[in-house]
Amino acid sequence: MYGKLFSACLQGIHGVRVEVETDLSNGLPMVSIIGLPDSAIRESVERVRSAIKNCGFIFPSQRVTINLAPADLRKEGSAFDLAIAMGILATSDQIIFPDQENMLLIGELALDGALRPVPGVLSMVDAAKQHGLTSVILPADNAMEASLVEGIRVYGVRHMNELFSELNHQPADKPDTQTGIETFKMGVPGQPPILVKKVQHQTTEVTQSKTNSDPCSPEQSFTIKKSDPRKLVDLEPLLRSRSHIQQHRQSVTPTYEDYADVFGQQHVKRALMIAASGMHNILLLGPPGTGKTMLIKRLPTILPTLTEEEALEVTKILSVAGKFKDSTAGLITSRPFRSPHHSITVAGLIGGSSIPKPGEVSLAHQGILFLDELPEFPRAVLEVLRQPLEDHEVQISRARAVFTFPANFLLAGSMNPCPCGYLGSHHPVHQCTCSDAQIARYRAKISGPLLDRIDLQIEVPRPSERDWQQSEGFQPDGYDSASMREIVHRTHERQLKRYSGLGIRWNSQLSGRWLREHTHLAADANLLLEAAFEQLGMSMRARDRVLKLARTIADLEEKEQIEAVHIAEAIQYRQLDRKK
């Protein structure tokens, strides 16, 4: 006997539909799972066996072969438990499972038949929709997350008995006197009703058919005998209402952090505004206590919110990583801000393990990756940032597959000018005690190729007496988060209009022909750029980044042509190039 159901697994951050084929044949009682399963899937045999018995069914005493197709794709995790269990029950004729060809089944089974949540549900359900499946049965704890995908019916179940047992039904629907079928509505709070029809022992036949106005629900017709001992699972084709998700849709997280809290440092605020407008990487350099961390932590308050496409991608990454805890608020719409400790490993930053999971660079996708005290990170960890900063994605190769994770982020860093931190600070008490050799070794922890990829390198000096006087009177300087966010949003809209249809959203993504085409330089601006290129010994990469930065500065001024003043401002932001 043969049967087939559908489940799903993860490949990177994307879901992959998997066919769960079940074959029962005569032979010694044993269960074989084939199709490159990992140890968690192989162990599912015992979970499924116990769950089937504890739900009142019989585990077949035959040779059971389960194939997970495509067979050349490595599969991991416990999300196949429910599909394997339902496949065995359906193939052994213990249940009738209509519409199974349009159903996705996901979930880990406990030994008593309870369903436990699994990570990556959003990606799996989205993949199921793309393959034409119309319904999904999964753990109730994952139901809200699955409902974020429009156009698919979601049934959240806490226990396998809720699908076909009258133990937990709502009582007192009388049997139909003509058909002898008693209908129960399962009590799953907040979920579409699951109708279970208990067949009375009669000798007549009943033709069960249903039609529905839902275009995703095809007409079904099948005939069963009243003496049939099998239990019928009938899932009503009701789309889960998404109105509650729209009501709770997550907006920008309220925050009390504002750039108005930072007194002085106007040139740093402007540099941060430029970085946010074009998603340019930025490094703040200054002595301790000058507000470097405070300034960067307020950077998310001026960034535009995520678009629908970006929000789905960011939410998928969090779901795959198991960090999407509050699905009641809908898709993530605020840009992520990640700030790992300097003890992080290469695998933690870039992603890894035998079957790779997203690292911090992917968790910061479409947002900010903040590395505080940059030279304290191991050099090997910093050097792996080169590829994602250029390609905006990470490729991790393993023997059986190559995994690709998105990594389009704004890199923000901070550091002291020397090991003691007081070089050039003019501090009245603390004077720099570092030798030239110590300073050189300290700065050498950040390689030249990595510095080339940082567009803005800004010195943050100690606040002046005037700044302290301003702070005592709480006099605004015009650089508060609301006004800066408005300018950033206007500049970003200008870029979206210019690059419409090119797949480019930010000036920092320009390269090659598109960079030359969209950076029109005035004659004096071109002369200034070439002079700086020669005198500062810039690399070609640094030259291109100056051009992209000048493009953003010109957009802030609402000018299409890049003028000499824009090039000059872009060059002066590369502080470490000037000090070579």
Protein backbone atom coordinates (compact mmCIF):
# COMPACT_ATOMS: atom_id res chain seq x y z
CA MET A 1 0.00 0.00 0.00
CA TYR A 2 1.28 3.43 -0.95
CA GLY A 3 0.45 6.97 0.17
CA LYS A 4 1.89 10.44 -0.20
CA LEU A 5 1.62 13.61 1.90
CA PHE A 6 3.48 16.89 1.82
CA SER A 7 5.77 18.44 4.42
CA ALA A 8 8.64 20.95 4.22
CA CYS A 9 12.18 21.65 5.37
CA LEU A 10 14.59 24.58 5.24
CA GLN A 11 17.37 25.31 2.77
CA GLY A 12 19.12 28.44 4.02
CA ILE A 13 16.27 30.83 4.79
CA HIS A 14 13.99 29.38 2.12
CA GLY A 15 11.46 26.62 2.54
CA VAL A 16 11.49 23.49 0.36
CA ARG A 17 8.42 21.34 -0.16
CA VAL A 18 9.12 17.68 0.58
CA GLU A 19 7.04 14.70 -0.51
CA VAL A 20 6.60 12.20 2.34
CA GLU A 21 5.94 8.88 0.61
CA THR A 22 4.82 5.89 2.70
CA ASP A 23 4.83 2.27 1.57
CA LEU A 24 3.56 -0.70 3.59
CA SER A 25 4.59 -4.17 2.46
CA ASN A 26 4.79 -7.68 3.83
CA GLY A 27 7.97 -8.61 5.63
CA LEU A 28 9.64 -8.32 8.98
CA PRO A 29 8.17 -5.42 11.01
CA MET A 30 10.60 -2.53 10.64
CA VAL A 31 10.67 1.12 9.65
CA SER A 32 13.15 2.60 7.15
CA ILE A 33 13.42 6.32 6.45
CA ILE A 34 15.35 7.19 3.30
CA GLY A 35 16.09 10.46 1.50
CA LEU A 36 19.14 11.82 3.39
CA PRO A 37 17.51 12.27 6.82
CA ASP A 38 19.51 13.55 9.78
CA SER A 39 19.54 11.93 13.21
CA ALA A 40 16.48 13.92 14.41
CA ILE A 41 14.42 12.53 11.52
CA ARG A 42 15.68 8.98 12.04
CA GLU A 43 14.72 9.24 15.72
CA SER A 44 11.21 10.32 14.69
CA VAL A 45 10.34 6.63 14.22
CA GLU A 46 10.05 6.12 17.97
CA ARG A 47 8.19 9.40 18.51
CA VAL A 48 5.69 8.54 15.79
CA ARG A 49 5.26 4.96 17.01
CA SER A 50 4.47 6.08 20.56
CA ALA A 51 2.19 8.93 19.40
CA ILE A 52 0.14 6.62 17.16
CA LYS A 53 -0.34 4.06 19.95
CA ASN A 54 -1.15 6.67 22.59
CA CYS A 55 -3.78 8.20 20.29
CA GLY A 56 -5.64 4.88 20.14
CA PHE A 57 -4.44 3.68 16.74
CA ILE A 58 -2.43 0.61 15.75
CA PHE A 59 1.11 0.90 14.46
CA PRO A 60 1.26 -1.51 11.49
CA SER A 61 3.24 -4.73 12.01
CA GLN A 62 4.62 -4.60 8.49
CA ARG A 63 7.66 -3.34 6.67
CA VAL A 64 7.25 0.46 6.57
CA THR A 65 9.34 2.46 4.10
CA ILE A 66 9.23 6.25 4.21
CA ASN A 67 10.89 8.23 1.44
CA LEU A 68 11.56 11.98 1.73
CA ALA A 69 11.76 13.40 -1.79
CA PRO A 70 13.73 14.99 -3.36
CA ALA A 71 16.12 12.29 -2.20
CA ASP A 72 19.30 14.26 -2.98
CA LEU A 73 18.44 17.10 -0.57
CA ARG A 74 19.81 16.85 2.96
CA LYS A 75 16.96 17.15 5.47
CA GLU A 76 17.06 17.99 9.14
CA GLY A 77 14.78 18.74 12.06
CA SER A 78 11.66 17.31 13.60
CA ALA A 79 9.07 19.05 11.39
CA PHE A 80 8.32 15.80 9.49
CA ASP A 81 6.84 13.95 12.51
CA LEU A 82 3.21 14.86 11.83
CA ALA A 83 3.40 14.07 8.10
CA ILE A 84 5.02 10.69 8.79
CA ALA A 85 2.40 9.78 11.40
CA MET A 86 -0.55 10.84 9.23
CA GLY A 87 0.99 9.06 6.24
CA ILE A 88 1.22 5.79 8.16
CA LEU A 89 -2.37 6.08 9.42
CA ALA A 90 -3.75 6.95 5.99
CA THR A 91 -1.77 4.26 4.17
CA SER A 92 -2.79 1.60 6.71
CA ASP A 93 -6.48 2.55 6.17
CA GLN A 94 -7.09 3.69 9.72
CA ILE A 95 -8.24 7.17 8.68
CA ILE A 96 -9.84 8.84 5.68
CA PHE A 97 -7.93 12.00 4.82
CA PRO A 98 -9.68 14.00 2.07
CA ASP A 99 -7.88 16.80 0.22
CA GLN A 100 -4.50 15.47 1.36
CA GLU A 101 -2.94 16.38 -2.00
CA ASN A 102 -3.48 20.08 -1.19
CA MET A 103 -2.36 19.90 2.44
CA LEU A 104 0.97 20.71 4.09
CA LEU A 105 1.72 19.01 7.42
CA ILE A 106 4.36 20.37 9.79
CA GLY A 107 5.05 19.62 13.42
CA GLU A 108 7.04 17.69 15.99
CA LEU A 109 5.20 15.00 17.92
CA ALA A 110 5.50 14.30 21.62
CA LEU A 111 5.18 10.68 22.77
CA ASP A 112 1.57 11.29 23.81
CA GLY A 113 0.61 12.82 20.45
CA ALA A 114 0.90 16.48 21.39
CA LEU A 115 2.34 18.83 18.77
CA ARG A 116 5.35 20.98 19.52
CA PRO A 117 6.35 24.11 17.56
CA VAL A 118 9.19 24.09 15.03
CA PRO A 119 11.31 26.95 13.63
CA GLY A 120 11.11 28.32 10.09
CA VAL A 121 7.35 27.90 9.66
CA LEU A 122 6.98 31.17 7.73
CA SER A 123 9.41 30.05 5.02
CA MET A 124 7.84 26.59 4.81
CA VAL A 125 4.28 27.86 4.43
CA ASP A 126 5.38 30.44 1.86
CA ALA A 127 7.04 27.65 -0.15
CA ALA A 128 3.86 25.56 0.11
CA LYS A 129 1.82 28.42 -1.29
CA GLN A 130 4.22 28.82 -4.20
CA HIS A 131 3.73 25.11 -5.02
CA GLY A 132 -0.05 25.46 -5.09
CA LEU A 133 -0.93 23.94 -1.71
CA THR A 134 -3.97 25.55 -0.13
CA SER A 135 -3.99 24.40 3.51
CA VAL A 136 -1.58 23.67 6.33
CA ILE A 137 -1.92 21.68 9.55
CA LEU A 138 0.69 22.58 12.14
CA PRO A 139 1.20 23.12 15.90
CA ALA A 140 -1.10 25.72 17.41
CA ASP A 141 1.91 27.68 18.68
CA ASN A 142 3.01 28.19 15.06
CA ALA A 143 -0.45 29.04 13.69
CA MET A 144 -0.15 32.80 14.11
CA GLU A 145 3.18 32.86 12.30
CA ALA A 146 1.79 30.75 9.44
CA SER A 147 -1.15 33.14 9.12
CA LEU A 148 1.23 35.87 7.99
CA VAL A 149 1.18 34.19 4.56
CA GLU A 150 -1.94 35.28 2.72
CA GLY A 151 -4.07 32.93 0.66
CA ILE A 152 -3.57 29.71 2.60
CA ARG A 153 -5.83 28.09 5.22
CA VAL A 154 -4.16 27.48 8.57
CA TYR A 155 -5.24 24.86 11.11
CA GLY A 156 -3.44 24.99 14.45
CA VAL A 157 -3.62 21.76 16.46
CA ARG A 158 -2.35 21.09 19.96
CA HIS A 159 -2.85 17.31 19.95
CA MET A 160 -3.16 14.77 17.15
CA ASN A 161 -6.42 13.49 18.70
CA GLU A 162 -8.06 16.80 17.82
CA LEU A 163 -8.00 15.75 14.16
CA PHE A 164 -9.99 12.55 14.41
CA SER A 165 -11.03 11.73 17.98
CA GLU A 166 -14.31 12.56 19.68
CA LEU A 167 -12.60 12.78 23.06
CA ASN A 168 -12.23 16.56 22.89
CA HIS A 169 -15.19 17.48 20.73
CA GLN A 170 -17.93 19.92 21.58
CA PRO A 171 -20.90 17.65 22.41
CA ALA A 172 -24.45 17.34 21.37
CA ASP A 173 -24.63 17.54 17.61
CA LYS A 174 -27.29 14.88 16.93
CA PRO A 175 -26.65 12.25 14.28
CA ASP A 176 -28.26 12.81 10.94
CA THR A 177 -31.27 10.48 10.91
CA GLN A 178 -30.94 9.86 7.18
CA THR A 179 -27.20 9.33 6.87
CA GLY A 180 -26.33 8.16 10.37
CA ILE A 181 -23.33 10.48 10.47
CA GLU A 182 -22.63 12.43 13.66
CA THR A 183 -20.69 15.67 13.15
CA PHE A 184 -18.43 17.18 15.81
CA LYS A 185 -16.72 20.57 15.86
CA MET A 186 -13.31 20.44 17.46
CA GLY A 187 -12.73 23.04 20.15
CA VAL A 188 -9.45 24.70 19.08
CA PRO A 189 -9.71 28.32 20.30
CA GLY A 190 -9.09 30.89 17.60
CA GLN A 191 -8.74 28.29 14.82
CA PRO A 192 -11.06 27.37 11.93
CA PRO A 193 -13.37 24.52 12.98
CA ILE A 194 -12.26 21.01 12.16
CA LEU A 195 -15.26 18.78 11.48
CA VAL A 196 -14.92 15.10 12.38
CA LYS A 197 -17.66 12.79 11.20
CA LYS A 198 -18.14 9.66 13.27
CA VAL A 199 -19.58 6.94 11.06
CA GLN A 200 -22.36 4.87 12.63
CA HIS A 201 -22.38 1.15 11.88
CA GLN A 202 -24.99 0.78 9.18
CA THR A 203 -25.13 -1.17 5.97
CA THR A 204 -25.98 1.63 3.57
CA GLU A 205 -23.54 3.77 1.67
CA VAL A 206 -23.14 7.53 1.93
CA THR A 207 -21.76 9.85 -0.69
CA GLN A 208 -20.00 12.76 0.95
CA SER A 209 -19.49 15.83 -1.19
CA LYS A 210 -18.78 19.47 -0.57
CA THR A 211 -18.52 22.62 -2.53
CA ASN A 212 -17.30 25.96 -1.38
CA SER A 213 -17.14 29.45 -2.76
CA ASP A 214 -13.46 29.58 -1.86
CA PRO A 215 -11.58 29.33 -5.18
CA CYS A 216 -8.71 27.55 -3.39
CA SER A 217 -11.07 24.78 -2.27
CA PRO A 218 -11.96 22.35 -5.08
CA GLU A 219 -15.13 20.30 -5.05
CA GLN A 220 -14.66 16.92 -3.40
CA SER A 221 -16.75 13.78 -3.59
CA PHE A 222 -16.16 10.36 -2.07
CA THR A 223 -18.24 7.39 -0.89
CA ILE A 224 -17.94 5.60 2.44
CA LYS A 225 -19.86 2.76 4.02
CA LYS A 226 -21.58 3.16 7.33
CA SER A 227 -19.83 0.06 8.58
CA ASP A 228 -16.43 1.56 7.72
CA PRO A 229 -14.37 1.63 10.96
CA ARG A 230 -12.07 4.33 9.67
CA LYS A 231 -12.26 7.87 11.08
CA LEU A 232 -12.90 10.69 8.68
CA VAL A 233 -10.99 13.95 8.92
CA ASP A 234 -12.90 16.73 7.19
CA LEU A 235 -11.21 20.14 7.30
CA GLU A 236 -13.65 22.86 6.42
CA PRO A 237 -12.25 25.10 3.66
CA LEU A 238 -12.32 28.29 5.71
CA LEU A 239 -9.60 30.85 5.29
CA ARG A 240 -8.18 32.02 8.56
CA SER A 241 -9.13 35.66 9.11
CA ARG A 242 -6.14 38.01 8.98
CA SER A 243 -8.00 40.97 10.44
CA HIS A 244 -6.51 40.39 13.88
CA ILE A 245 -3.04 40.46 12.34
CA GLN A 246 -3.70 43.78 10.64
CA GLN A 247 -4.96 45.18 13.94
CA HIS A 248 -1.80 44.09 15.74
CA ARG A 249 0.57 44.77 12.85
CA GLN A 250 3.90 45.75 14.29
CA SER A 251 4.96 49.30 13.71
CA VAL A 252 8.19 51.06 14.56
CA THR A 253 9.01 50.14 18.12
CA PRO A 254 8.33 53.12 20.39
CA THR A 255 11.57 54.44 21.79
CA TYR A 256 12.66 57.20 24.08
CA GLU A 257 16.01 57.49 22.33
CA ASP A 258 16.37 60.63 20.26
CA TYR A 259 19.26 62.54 18.74
CA ALA A 260 17.97 65.58 20.60
CA ASP A 261 19.49 63.91 23.71
CA VAL A 262 22.98 64.32 22.23
CA PHE A 263 24.31 67.85 22.65
CA GLY A 264 26.88 69.13 20.22
CA GLN A 265 28.56 66.77 17.73
CA GLN A 266 26.62 68.32 14.84
CA HIS A 267 29.16 67.12 12.29
CA VAL A 268 28.77 63.54 13.56
CA LYS A 269 24.97 63.77 13.40
CA ARG A 270 25.19 64.97 9.81
CA ALA A 271 27.53 62.09 8.96
CA LEU A 272 25.08 59.62 10.52
CA MET A 273 22.24 61.18 8.55
CA ILE A 274 24.23 60.73 5.33
CA ALA A 275 25.00 57.11 6.29
CA ALA A 276 21.30 56.40 6.92
CA SER A 277 20.25 58.10 3.67
CA GLY A 278 22.42 55.89 1.47
CA MET A 279 23.08 52.87 3.77
CA HIS A 280 26.80 53.74 3.91
CA ASN A 281 29.12 52.03 6.39
CA ILE A 282 30.40 54.29 9.16
CA LEU A 283 33.14 54.21 11.80
CA LEU A 284 33.29 56.62 14.75
CA LEU A 285 36.76 57.30 16.17
CA GLY A 286 37.28 59.12 19.46
CA PRO A 287 38.29 59.00 23.14
CA PRO A 288 36.13 57.32 25.79
CA GLY A 289 32.96 59.06 26.89
CA THR A 290 32.41 61.25 23.84
CA GLY A 291 29.09 59.62 22.89
CA LYS A 292 30.13 57.24 20.09
CA THR A 293 27.93 54.37 21.24
CA MET A 294 25.10 56.73 22.17
CA LEU A 295 25.11 58.23 18.68
CA ILE A 296 25.10 54.92 16.83
CA LYS A 297 22.40 53.35 19.02
CA ARG A 298 20.07 56.14 17.89
CA LEU A 299 20.71 55.41 14.23
CA PRO A 300 17.62 53.11 13.88
CA THR A 301 15.38 56.03 14.88
CA ILE A 302 16.07 57.82 11.59
CA LEU A 303 15.98 54.86 9.18
CA PRO A 304 12.93 54.29 6.94
CA THR A 305 10.62 51.42 7.87
CA LEU A 306 10.85 48.17 5.95
CA THR A 307 8.83 47.64 2.79
CA GLU A 308 6.47 44.63 2.60
CA GLU A 309 9.03 42.61 0.63
CA GLU A 310 11.87 43.51 3.01
CA ALA A 311 9.69 42.80 6.05
CA LEU A 312 8.86 39.29 4.79
CA GLU A 313 12.55 38.56 4.16
CA VAL A 314 13.66 39.85 7.57
CA THR A 315 10.89 37.92 9.33
CA LYS A 316 11.87 34.73 7.50
CA ILE A 317 15.44 35.05 8.74
CA LEU A 318 14.30 35.48 12.34
CA SER A 319 11.90 32.55 11.96
CA VAL A 320 14.63 30.25 10.61
CA ALA A 321 16.97 31.31 13.42
CA GLY A 322 14.24 30.61 16.00
CA LYS A 323 14.19 34.24 17.15
CA PHE A 324 10.72 35.21 15.91
CA LYS A 325 8.88 34.96 19.21
CA ASP A 326 6.01 37.45 18.94
CA SER A 327 4.12 36.55 15.76
CA THR A 328 0.92 38.25 17.01
CA ALA A 329 2.33 41.60 15.88
CA GLY A 330 2.65 40.52 12.24
CA LEU A 331 5.68 40.98 10.05
CA ILE A 332 8.70 42.85 11.40
CA THR A 333 8.60 46.40 10.04
CA SER A 334 11.38 48.11 12.00
CA ARG A 335 14.92 47.61 10.77
CA PRO A 336 17.00 45.20 12.88
CA PHE A 337 19.84 46.45 15.07
CA ARG A 338 22.41 43.84 16.07
CA SER A 339 25.29 44.51 18.44
CA PRO A 340 27.30 41.31 19.14
CA HIS A 341 29.94 41.11 21.86
CA HIS A 342 33.59 41.19 20.75
CA SER A 343 34.05 37.59 21.91
CA ILE A 344 31.88 36.35 19.03
CA THR A 345 33.28 33.59 16.81
CA VAL A 346 33.48 33.50 13.02
CA ALA A 347 30.55 31.06 12.87
CA GLY A 348 28.50 33.28 15.17
CA LEU A 349 29.11 36.32 12.99
CA ILE A 350 28.86 34.83 9.53
CA GLY A 351 26.73 31.72 10.19
CA GLY A 352 27.72 28.10 10.54
CA SER A 353 27.28 24.61 12.05
CA SER A 354 27.07 21.35 10.10
CA ILE A 355 23.84 22.56 8.50
CA PRO A 356 24.42 26.34 8.59
CA LYS A 357 22.14 28.75 10.41
CA PRO A 358 22.07 32.54 9.93
CA GLY A 359 24.78 34.51 11.72
CA GLU A 360 24.73 38.09 12.96
CA VAL A 361 25.38 39.53 9.49
CA SER A 362 22.18 37.87 8.26
CA LEU A 363 20.18 38.75 11.37
CA ALA A 364 21.15 42.37 10.64
CA HIS A 365 19.89 42.10 7.03
CA GLN A 366 18.22 45.36 5.92
CA GLY A 367 19.34 46.93 9.19
CA ILE A 368 22.43 47.79 11.22
CA LEU A 369 25.32 45.65 12.46
CA PHE A 370 27.08 47.58 15.24
CA LEU A 371 30.56 46.46 16.30
CA ASP A 372 31.48 48.43 19.40
CA GLU A 373 35.21 48.74 20.16
CA LEU A 374 36.10 47.38 16.72
CA PRO A 375 39.82 46.58 17.37
CA GLU A 376 38.82 44.30 20.26
CA PHE A 377 37.27 41.82 17.82
CA PRO A 378 39.67 39.09 16.62
CA ARG A 379 41.14 39.98 13.26
CA ALA A 380 39.96 36.68 11.77
CA VAL A 381 36.39 37.59 12.70
CA LEU A 382 36.62 41.06 11.14
CA GLU A 383 38.14 39.78 7.90
CA VAL A 384 35.13 37.55 7.13
CA LEU A 385 33.08 40.75 6.73
CA ARG A 386 34.78 41.52 3.41
CA GLN A 387 32.54 39.36 1.22
CA PRO A 388 29.15 40.34 2.69
CA LEU A 389 30.09 44.04 2.59
CA GLU A 390 30.69 43.71 -1.16
CA ASP A 391 28.19 41.05 -2.28
CA HIS A 392 25.44 41.68 0.33
CA GLU A 393 25.13 37.94 0.86
CA VAL A 394 27.01 35.10 2.54
CA GLN A 395 27.80 31.77 0.94
CA ILE A 396 28.67 28.90 3.27
CA SER A 397 29.91 25.73 1.56
CA ARG A 398 29.45 22.26 2.96
CA ALA A 399 30.17 18.86 1.43
CA ARG A 400 26.58 18.27 0.35
CA ALA A 401 25.35 21.79 -0.42
CA VAL A 402 26.12 25.49 -0.60
CA PHE A 403 23.94 27.69 1.58
CA THR A 404 23.30 31.35 0.75
CA PHE A 405 22.07 33.84 3.33
CA PRO A 406 21.22 37.50 2.62
CA ALA A 407 23.47 40.03 4.35
CA ASN A 408 22.67 43.53 3.13
CA PHE A 409 23.40 45.63 6.21
CA LEU A 410 24.87 48.94 7.31
CA LEU A 411 28.10 48.32 9.21
CA ALA A 412 28.55 50.76 12.09
CA GLY A 413 31.65 50.62 14.27
CA SER A 414 33.33 52.57 17.01
CA MET A 415 36.90 52.60 18.32
CA ASN A 416 39.36 54.58 20.37
CA PRO A 417 42.26 56.31 18.62
CA CYS A 418 44.86 54.34 20.62
CA PRO A 419 45.06 51.61 23.29
CA CYS A 420 44.70 54.09 26.18
CA GLY A 421 42.01 55.99 24.27
CA TYR A 422 43.24 59.57 24.81
CA LEU A 423 45.34 60.28 21.73
CA GLY A 424 44.61 63.84 20.57
CA SER A 425 41.80 64.29 23.09
CA HIS A 426 43.35 67.37 24.84
CA HIS A 427 41.98 65.99 28.08
CA PRO A 428 42.98 68.17 31.08
CA VAL A 429 43.79 65.13 33.22
CA HIS A 430 44.32 62.08 31.01
CA GLN A 431 47.17 62.30 28.54
CA CYS A 432 48.02 59.69 25.94
CA THR A 433 50.85 57.42 27.10
CA CYS A 434 50.98 55.18 24.02
CA SER A 435 54.08 54.90 21.86
CA ASP A 436 53.94 55.15 18.10
CA ALA A 437 54.53 51.42 17.84
CA GLN A 438 51.62 50.66 20.18
CA ILE A 439 49.32 52.95 18.20
CA ALA A 440 50.39 51.32 14.93
CA ARG A 441 49.78 47.80 16.29
CA TYR A 442 46.40 48.84 17.67
CA ARG A 443 45.18 50.28 14.37
CA ALA A 444 46.69 47.42 12.38
CA LYS A 445 44.03 45.15 13.88
CA ILE A 446 41.72 46.66 11.26
CA SER A 447 43.09 45.79 7.85
CA GLY A 448 43.33 48.22 4.96
CA PRO A 449 40.85 46.27 2.77
CA LEU A 450 38.26 46.42 5.55
CA LEU A 451 38.79 50.17 6.07
CA ASP A 452 38.39 50.63 2.31
CA ARG A 453 34.86 49.30 2.66
CA ILE A 454 33.91 51.84 5.36
CA ASP A 455 32.64 54.99 3.64
CA LEU A 456 32.62 57.38 6.58
CA GLN A 457 35.41 57.49 9.17
CA ILE A 458 34.50 60.24 11.61
CA GLU A 459 36.40 61.68 14.56
CA VAL A 460 34.25 62.30 17.63
CA PRO A 461 36.02 64.85 19.87
CA ARG A 462 35.33 65.70 23.50
CA PRO A 463 32.35 68.07 23.85
CA SER A 464 33.35 71.72 24.09
CA GLU A 465 32.42 74.19 26.83
CA ARG A 466 29.80 75.62 24.50
CA ASP A 467 28.18 72.19 24.15
CA TRP A 468 27.96 71.86 27.93
CA GLN A 469 26.37 75.28 28.22
CA GLN A 470 23.87 74.27 25.55
CA SER A 471 23.08 71.07 27.44
CA GLU A 472 22.32 73.02 30.62
CA GLY A 473 19.80 75.16 28.79
CA PHE A 474 18.39 72.28 26.67
CA GLN A 475 18.71 74.34 23.52
CA PRO A 476 17.90 72.25 20.42
CA ASP A 477 20.43 72.26 17.58
CA GLY A 478 18.03 71.17 14.83
CA TYR A 479 19.36 67.60 14.77
CA ASP A 480 16.57 65.66 16.46
CA SER A 481 15.44 62.21 15.25
CA ALA A 482 12.13 63.42 13.78
CA SER A 483 13.65 66.09 11.54
CA MET A 484 16.57 63.85 10.55
CA ARG A 485 14.19 60.98 9.73
CA GLU A 486 12.15 63.26 7.47
CA ILE A 487 15.28 64.24 5.52
CA VAL A 488 16.42 60.62 5.27
CA HIS A 489 13.01 59.53 4.03
CA ARG A 490 12.94 62.25 1.37
CA THR A 491 16.44 61.31 0.19
CA HIS A 492 15.55 57.62 0.08
CA GLU A 493 12.43 58.32 -1.99
CA ARG A 494 14.60 60.23 -4.44
CA GLN A 495 16.85 57.18 -4.82
CA LEU A 496 13.91 54.79 -5.29
CA LYS A 497 12.56 56.98 -8.08
CA ARG A 498 15.95 57.22 -9.82
CA TYR A 499 16.70 53.49 -9.68
CA SER A 500 13.19 52.24 -10.42
CA GLY A 501 13.35 48.93 -12.28
CA LEU A 502 17.08 48.39 -11.65
CA GLY A 503 16.81 46.39 -8.44
CA ILE A 504 18.75 49.12 -6.60
CA ARG A 505 17.35 50.81 -3.49
CA TRP A 506 20.33 52.69 -2.05
CA ASN A 507 23.25 54.68 -3.45
CA SER A 508 25.66 52.32 -1.67
CA GLN A 509 24.51 49.50 -4.00
CA LEU A 510 25.74 51.27 -7.16
CA SER A 511 28.54 49.61 -9.07
CA GLY A 512 30.02 49.33 -12.54
CA ARG A 513 27.99 50.86 -15.35
CA TRP A 514 25.23 52.09 -13.05
CA LEU A 515 27.75 53.97 -10.89
CA ARG A 516 29.18 55.79 -13.93
CA GLU A 517 25.74 56.50 -15.32
CA HIS A 518 24.23 58.00 -12.15
CA THR A 519 27.20 60.02 -10.86
CA HIS A 520 27.40 63.07 -13.10
CA LEU A 521 30.36 65.18 -11.95
CA ALA A 522 30.88 68.88 -12.60
CA ALA A 523 34.27 69.69 -14.15
CA ASP A 524 35.78 71.09 -10.93
CA ALA A 525 34.38 68.16 -8.95
CA ASN A 526 36.12 65.71 -11.27
CA LEU A 527 39.45 67.57 -10.91
CA LEU A 528 39.14 67.55 -7.12
CA LEU A 529 38.41 63.82 -7.04
CA GLU A 530 41.41 62.97 -9.22
CA ALA A 531 43.71 65.17 -7.11
CA ALA A 532 42.54 63.47 -3.91
CA PHE A 533 42.95 60.06 -5.52
CA GLU A 534 46.62 60.79 -6.25
CA GLN A 535 47.56 62.65 -3.07
CA LEU A 536 45.81 60.35 -0.58
CA GLY A 537 46.83 57.17 -2.39
CA MET A 538 43.25 55.90 -2.56
CA SER A 539 42.42 52.49 -3.96
CA MET A 540 39.92 52.20 -6.80
CA ARG A 541 37.42 50.83 -4.30
CA ALA A 542 37.86 53.86 -2.04
CA ARG A 543 37.44 56.15 -5.06
CA ASP A 544 34.16 54.48 -6.00
CA ARG A 545 32.94 54.76 -2.41
CA VAL A 546 33.74 58.47 -2.37
CA LEU A 547 31.64 58.79 -5.54
CA LYS A 548 28.69 56.93 -3.98
CA LEU A 549 28.96 59.01 -0.83
CA ALA A 550 29.03 62.24 -2.86
CA ARG A 551 25.94 60.99 -4.73
CA THR A 552 24.09 60.72 -1.41
CA ILE A 553 25.28 64.16 -0.24
CA ALA A 554 24.02 65.67 -3.51
CA ASP A 555 20.68 63.91 -3.00
CA LEU A 556 20.43 65.47 0.46
CA GLU A 557 20.79 68.85 -1.25
CA GLU A 558 18.24 67.73 -3.89
CA LYS A 559 20.74 68.17 -6.71
CA GLU A 560 21.21 65.75 -9.58
CA GLN A 561 24.73 66.86 -10.53
CA ILE A 562 27.57 66.18 -8.10
CA GLU A 563 29.48 69.39 -7.41
CA ALA A 564 32.93 70.03 -5.98
CA VAL A 565 31.51 70.81 -2.54
CA HIS A 566 29.90 67.36 -2.40
CA ILE A 567 33.17 65.63 -3.37
CA ALA A 568 35.06 67.70 -0.79
CA GLU A 569 32.65 66.72 1.99
CA ALA A 570 32.83 63.05 1.00
CA ILE A 571 36.66 63.14 1.04
CA GLN A 572 36.89 64.81 4.42
CA TYR A 573 34.80 62.01 5.93
CA ARG A 574 37.60 59.52 5.17
CA GLN A 575 39.70 60.54 8.18
CA LEU A 576 41.93 57.46 8.27
CA ASP A 577 42.84 57.81 4.59
CA ARG A 578 44.02 61.35 5.27
CA LYS A 579 46.29 60.14 8.11
CA LYS A 580 48.19 57.56 6.11
